[in-house]
Amino acid sequence: TQRWGADTPLAEITRYQVQTWASGRKAEVKPATLRHEISFLSRLYRIAFEHGLRLENPTDNLRLPRINNWRKRVLSAEEQAQFRNIMTPAQYSMIEFAIQTGMRRSEQWHLKNANVKIWQVGEQKDPRTGVVVPIANGMADILDSKNGLGRSVPLNHIAAACVTLWRRRRTEFVFGPDNPDRFAAANWYGDRVWRPAMKRLQIEDLHWHDL
């Protein structure tokens, strides 16, 4: 609406106009953002077509900006030890779980206990204490991932131990309270644990996705 006006009929927007807008938009936003905006505009035309309007979609065959998603940043063993030293076992287990499973942040925070199965597969001696402890493996079912499809993620004994630690709280979600969105964004990540820990350890250029 800012570009063409709220009252502009979809039929009057041409491919040349969209391409001109997209070319100028490249200097304002990242390529991924521009591709999302073009995708949104394209969806408007698809919805119109589904409702019987025979419109030419001006985003068809549009030159889309290239996205370079290459990023090689991992949490080093030294950094893992630093986080472990300043966090409680429960807090660090969230990081450990992400490392062991490769789950996205939203998938991990919305993971429900009802969708996780844990089973014992043996025993091993704790190298630090010498105590024999049970080893558990498991499976986590993600019902709604980023691509809209469900999938199952195997849990090794480290990830299974993280789940077992949090299950003592007897909540619906494994790692969060009844409102994981609010908890994740405003509390754990922003104000209370994750970012303060990185600031304290002077760790830069690290995102949850890098785990």
Protein backbone atom coordinates (compact mmCIF):
# COMPACT_ATOMS: atom_id res chain seq x y z
CA THR A 1 0.00 0.00 0.00
CA GLN A 2 2.90 2.40 0.58
CA ARG A 3 4.17 1.81 -2.95
CA TRP A 4 1.00 1.74 -5.06
CA GLY A 5 -1.71 2.93 -2.68
CA ALA A 6 -4.38 0.98 -0.86
CA ASP A 7 -6.97 1.58 -3.59
CA THR A 8 -4.84 0.48 -6.54
CA PRO A 9 -6.42 -2.55 -8.27
CA LEU A 10 -4.14 -5.57 -8.51
CA ALA A 11 -4.79 -5.71 -12.25
CA GLU A 12 -3.06 -2.32 -12.73
CA ILE A 13 0.25 -3.34 -11.18
CA THR A 14 2.63 -4.37 -13.94
CA ARG A 15 5.68 -6.58 -13.91
CA TYR A 16 7.86 -3.59 -14.86
CA GLN A 17 6.59 -1.66 -11.84
CA VAL A 18 7.31 -4.55 -9.50
CA GLN A 19 10.81 -5.03 -10.96
CA THR A 20 11.53 -1.30 -10.57
CA TRP A 21 10.35 -1.36 -6.97
CA ALA A 22 12.39 -4.47 -6.23
CA SER A 23 15.54 -2.92 -7.73
CA GLY A 24 15.24 0.09 -5.45
CA ARG A 25 14.31 -2.04 -2.47
CA LYS A 26 17.64 -3.92 -2.70
CA ALA A 27 19.41 -0.91 -1.18
CA GLU A 28 17.02 -0.82 1.79
CA VAL A 29 16.69 -4.41 3.01
CA LYS A 30 18.55 -7.70 2.98
CA PRO A 31 18.02 -10.09 0.03
CA ALA A 32 16.09 -12.56 2.19
CA THR A 33 13.68 -9.82 3.30
CA LEU A 34 13.09 -8.72 -0.27
CA ARG A 35 12.40 -12.29 -1.37
CA HIS A 36 9.85 -12.62 1.46
CA GLU A 37 8.13 -9.41 0.36
CA ILE A 38 7.98 -10.55 -3.27
CA SER A 39 6.64 -13.91 -2.11
CA PHE A 40 3.92 -12.13 -0.12
CA LEU A 41 2.90 -10.09 -3.19
CA SER A 42 2.86 -13.23 -5.31
CA ARG A 43 0.60 -14.93 -2.79
CA LEU A 44 -1.92 -12.09 -3.05
CA TYR A 45 -2.27 -12.83 -6.75
CA ARG A 46 -2.55 -16.58 -6.17
CA ILE A 47 -5.34 -16.00 -3.64
CA ALA A 48 -7.10 -13.69 -6.11
CA PHE A 49 -6.81 -16.38 -8.80
CA GLU A 50 -8.24 -19.00 -6.42
CA HIS A 51 -11.24 -16.73 -5.92
CA GLY A 52 -11.95 -16.50 -9.62
CA LEU A 53 -10.03 -13.36 -10.63
CA ARG A 54 -8.00 -14.02 -13.77
CA LEU A 55 -5.05 -11.70 -13.15
CA GLU A 56 -1.56 -11.81 -14.55
CA ASN A 57 0.88 -12.25 -11.69
CA PRO A 58 3.55 -9.52 -12.07
CA THR A 59 6.01 -11.46 -9.91
CA ASP A 60 6.23 -14.38 -12.36
CA ASN A 61 9.78 -14.77 -13.75
CA LEU A 62 10.93 -11.83 -11.65
CA ARG A 63 14.67 -11.53 -11.11
CA LEU A 64 15.07 -12.40 -7.45
CA PRO A 65 18.07 -11.33 -5.35
CA ARG A 66 20.54 -14.03 -4.53
CA ILE A 67 20.92 -15.11 -0.91
CA ASN A 68 24.25 -16.10 0.53
CA ASN A 69 23.46 -18.17 3.60
CA TRP A 70 26.98 -19.47 4.01
CA ARG A 71 28.04 -19.14 7.61
CA LYS A 72 30.58 -21.22 9.48
CA ARG A 73 30.38 -20.32 13.15
CA VAL A 74 30.29 -23.03 15.77
CA LEU A 75 30.54 -23.01 19.54
CA SER A 76 34.09 -24.07 20.39
CA ALA A 77 34.90 -26.49 23.20
CA GLU A 78 36.42 -23.60 25.14
CA GLU A 79 33.26 -21.50 24.73
CA GLN A 80 31.09 -24.44 25.79
CA ALA A 81 33.14 -24.77 28.97
CA GLN A 82 32.78 -21.04 29.63
CA PHE A 83 29.02 -21.17 29.30
CA ARG A 84 28.87 -24.28 31.48
CA ASN A 85 30.88 -22.56 34.24
CA ILE A 86 28.59 -19.53 34.59
CA MET A 87 25.23 -21.25 34.05
CA THR A 88 23.20 -23.62 36.14
CA PRO A 89 22.99 -27.21 34.83
CA ALA A 90 19.42 -26.59 33.67
CA GLN A 91 20.35 -23.40 31.82
CA TYR A 92 23.32 -24.97 30.06
CA SER A 93 21.27 -28.04 29.17
CA MET A 94 19.27 -25.85 26.77
CA ILE A 95 22.45 -25.05 24.86
CA GLU A 96 23.61 -28.66 25.03
CA PHE A 97 20.29 -29.90 23.67
CA ALA A 98 20.53 -27.53 20.69
CA ILE A 99 24.08 -28.68 19.94
CA GLN A 100 23.17 -32.36 20.13
CA THR A 101 19.94 -32.20 18.10
CA GLY A 102 20.38 -29.32 15.66
CA MET A 103 16.81 -28.20 16.37
CA ARG A 104 15.79 -24.68 15.53
CA ARG A 105 15.13 -22.37 18.47
CA SER A 106 11.38 -22.28 17.92
CA GLU A 107 11.25 -26.07 17.57
CA GLN A 108 13.10 -26.56 20.83
CA TRP A 109 11.01 -24.09 22.80
CA HIS A 110 7.73 -25.46 21.50
CA LEU A 111 8.71 -29.07 22.09
CA LYS A 112 6.12 -30.76 24.29
CA ASN A 113 6.78 -33.55 26.75
CA ALA A 114 3.96 -35.50 25.16
CA ASN A 115 5.93 -35.60 21.90
CA VAL A 116 9.19 -36.89 23.39
CA LYS A 117 9.89 -40.54 24.13
CA ILE A 118 12.81 -41.55 26.34
CA TRP A 119 14.01 -45.10 26.95
CA GLN A 120 16.93 -46.55 28.88
CA VAL A 121 19.49 -48.45 26.84
CA GLY A 122 22.24 -49.22 29.32
CA GLU A 123 24.59 -47.87 31.96
CA GLN A 124 27.94 -46.12 32.09
CA LYS A 125 30.37 -44.85 34.71
CA ASP A 126 30.49 -41.08 35.20
CA PRO A 127 34.19 -40.19 34.61
CA ARG A 128 34.00 -37.36 37.14
CA THR A 129 32.39 -39.19 40.03
CA GLY A 130 32.90 -42.86 39.22
CA VAL A 131 29.20 -43.48 39.82
CA VAL A 132 27.40 -45.81 37.43
CA VAL A 133 24.47 -43.97 35.85
CA PRO A 134 21.78 -45.09 33.38
CA ILE A 135 22.09 -44.17 29.70
CA ALA A 136 18.92 -43.11 27.92
CA ASN A 137 18.17 -42.46 24.27
CA GLY A 138 14.98 -41.17 22.75
CA MET A 139 13.03 -39.57 19.93
CA ALA A 140 11.45 -36.11 19.64
CA ASP A 141 8.54 -35.58 17.25
CA ILE A 142 8.33 -32.07 15.78
CA LEU A 143 4.78 -31.71 14.54
CA ASP A 144 5.18 -28.35 12.80
CA SER A 145 8.64 -27.36 11.56
CA LYS A 146 9.68 -24.30 9.55
CA ASN A 147 8.84 -25.94 6.23
CA GLY A 148 5.36 -26.83 7.48
CA LEU A 149 6.12 -30.55 7.67
CA GLY A 150 6.62 -32.71 10.72
CA ARG A 151 9.76 -34.71 11.41
CA SER A 152 11.34 -36.86 14.09
CA VAL A 153 14.70 -36.10 15.68
CA PRO A 154 16.70 -38.90 17.35
CA LEU A 155 18.01 -38.06 20.82
CA ASN A 156 21.39 -39.39 21.88
CA HIS A 157 22.05 -40.02 25.57
CA ILE A 158 23.21 -36.42 26.13
CA ALA A 159 20.06 -34.88 24.63
CA ALA A 160 17.90 -37.42 26.46
CA ALA A 161 19.56 -36.45 29.74
CA CYS A 162 18.70 -32.79 29.06
CA VAL A 163 15.04 -33.70 28.61
CA THR A 164 15.05 -35.85 31.75
CA LEU A 165 16.49 -32.96 33.76
CA TRP A 166 13.71 -30.61 32.69
CA ARG A 167 10.89 -33.14 32.96
CA ARG A 168 11.11 -32.91 36.73
CA ARG A 169 9.23 -29.61 36.43
CA ARG A 170 6.17 -31.45 35.07
CA THR A 171 5.18 -28.76 32.57
CA GLU A 172 3.56 -29.09 29.15
CA PHE A 173 6.62 -27.82 27.27
CA VAL A 174 10.00 -29.42 27.89
CA PHE A 175 12.03 -26.20 28.16
CA GLY A 176 9.45 -23.54 28.85
CA PRO A 177 6.32 -22.64 30.79
CA ASP A 178 2.83 -22.41 29.35
CA ASN A 179 3.78 -19.45 27.14
CA PRO A 180 7.04 -20.42 25.38
CA ASP A 181 6.94 -17.49 22.92
CA ARG A 182 7.03 -14.87 25.64
CA PHE A 183 9.48 -16.88 27.73
CA ALA A 184 11.93 -17.40 24.89
CA ALA A 185 11.96 -13.94 23.37
CA ALA A 186 11.72 -11.60 26.33
CA ASN A 187 13.03 -13.60 29.25
CA TRP A 188 15.58 -16.35 28.68
CA TYR A 189 17.15 -15.08 25.47
CA GLY A 190 16.96 -11.34 25.95
CA ASP A 191 17.11 -10.38 29.59
CA ARG A 192 18.01 -13.22 31.89
CA VAL A 193 20.45 -15.81 30.54
CA TRP A 194 21.60 -16.05 26.91
CA ARG A 195 22.60 -12.49 25.99
CA PRO A 196 23.87 -11.56 29.47
CA ALA A 197 26.05 -14.67 29.39
CA MET A 198 27.54 -13.77 26.01
CA LYS A 199 28.17 -10.21 27.21
CA ARG A 200 29.83 -11.45 30.38
CA LEU A 201 32.05 -13.87 28.46
CA GLN A 202 32.72 -11.29 25.71
CA ILE A 203 31.56 -13.73 23.05
CA GLU A 204 30.52 -12.02 19.82
CA ASP A 205 29.00 -13.01 16.49
CA LEU A 206 27.18 -16.02 17.94
CA HIS A 207 23.55 -16.84 17.24
CA TRP A 208 21.39 -19.65 18.54
CA HIS A 209 21.21 -21.04 15.00
CA ASP A 210 24.99 -21.53 15.09
CA LEU A 211 24.55 -24.17 17.80
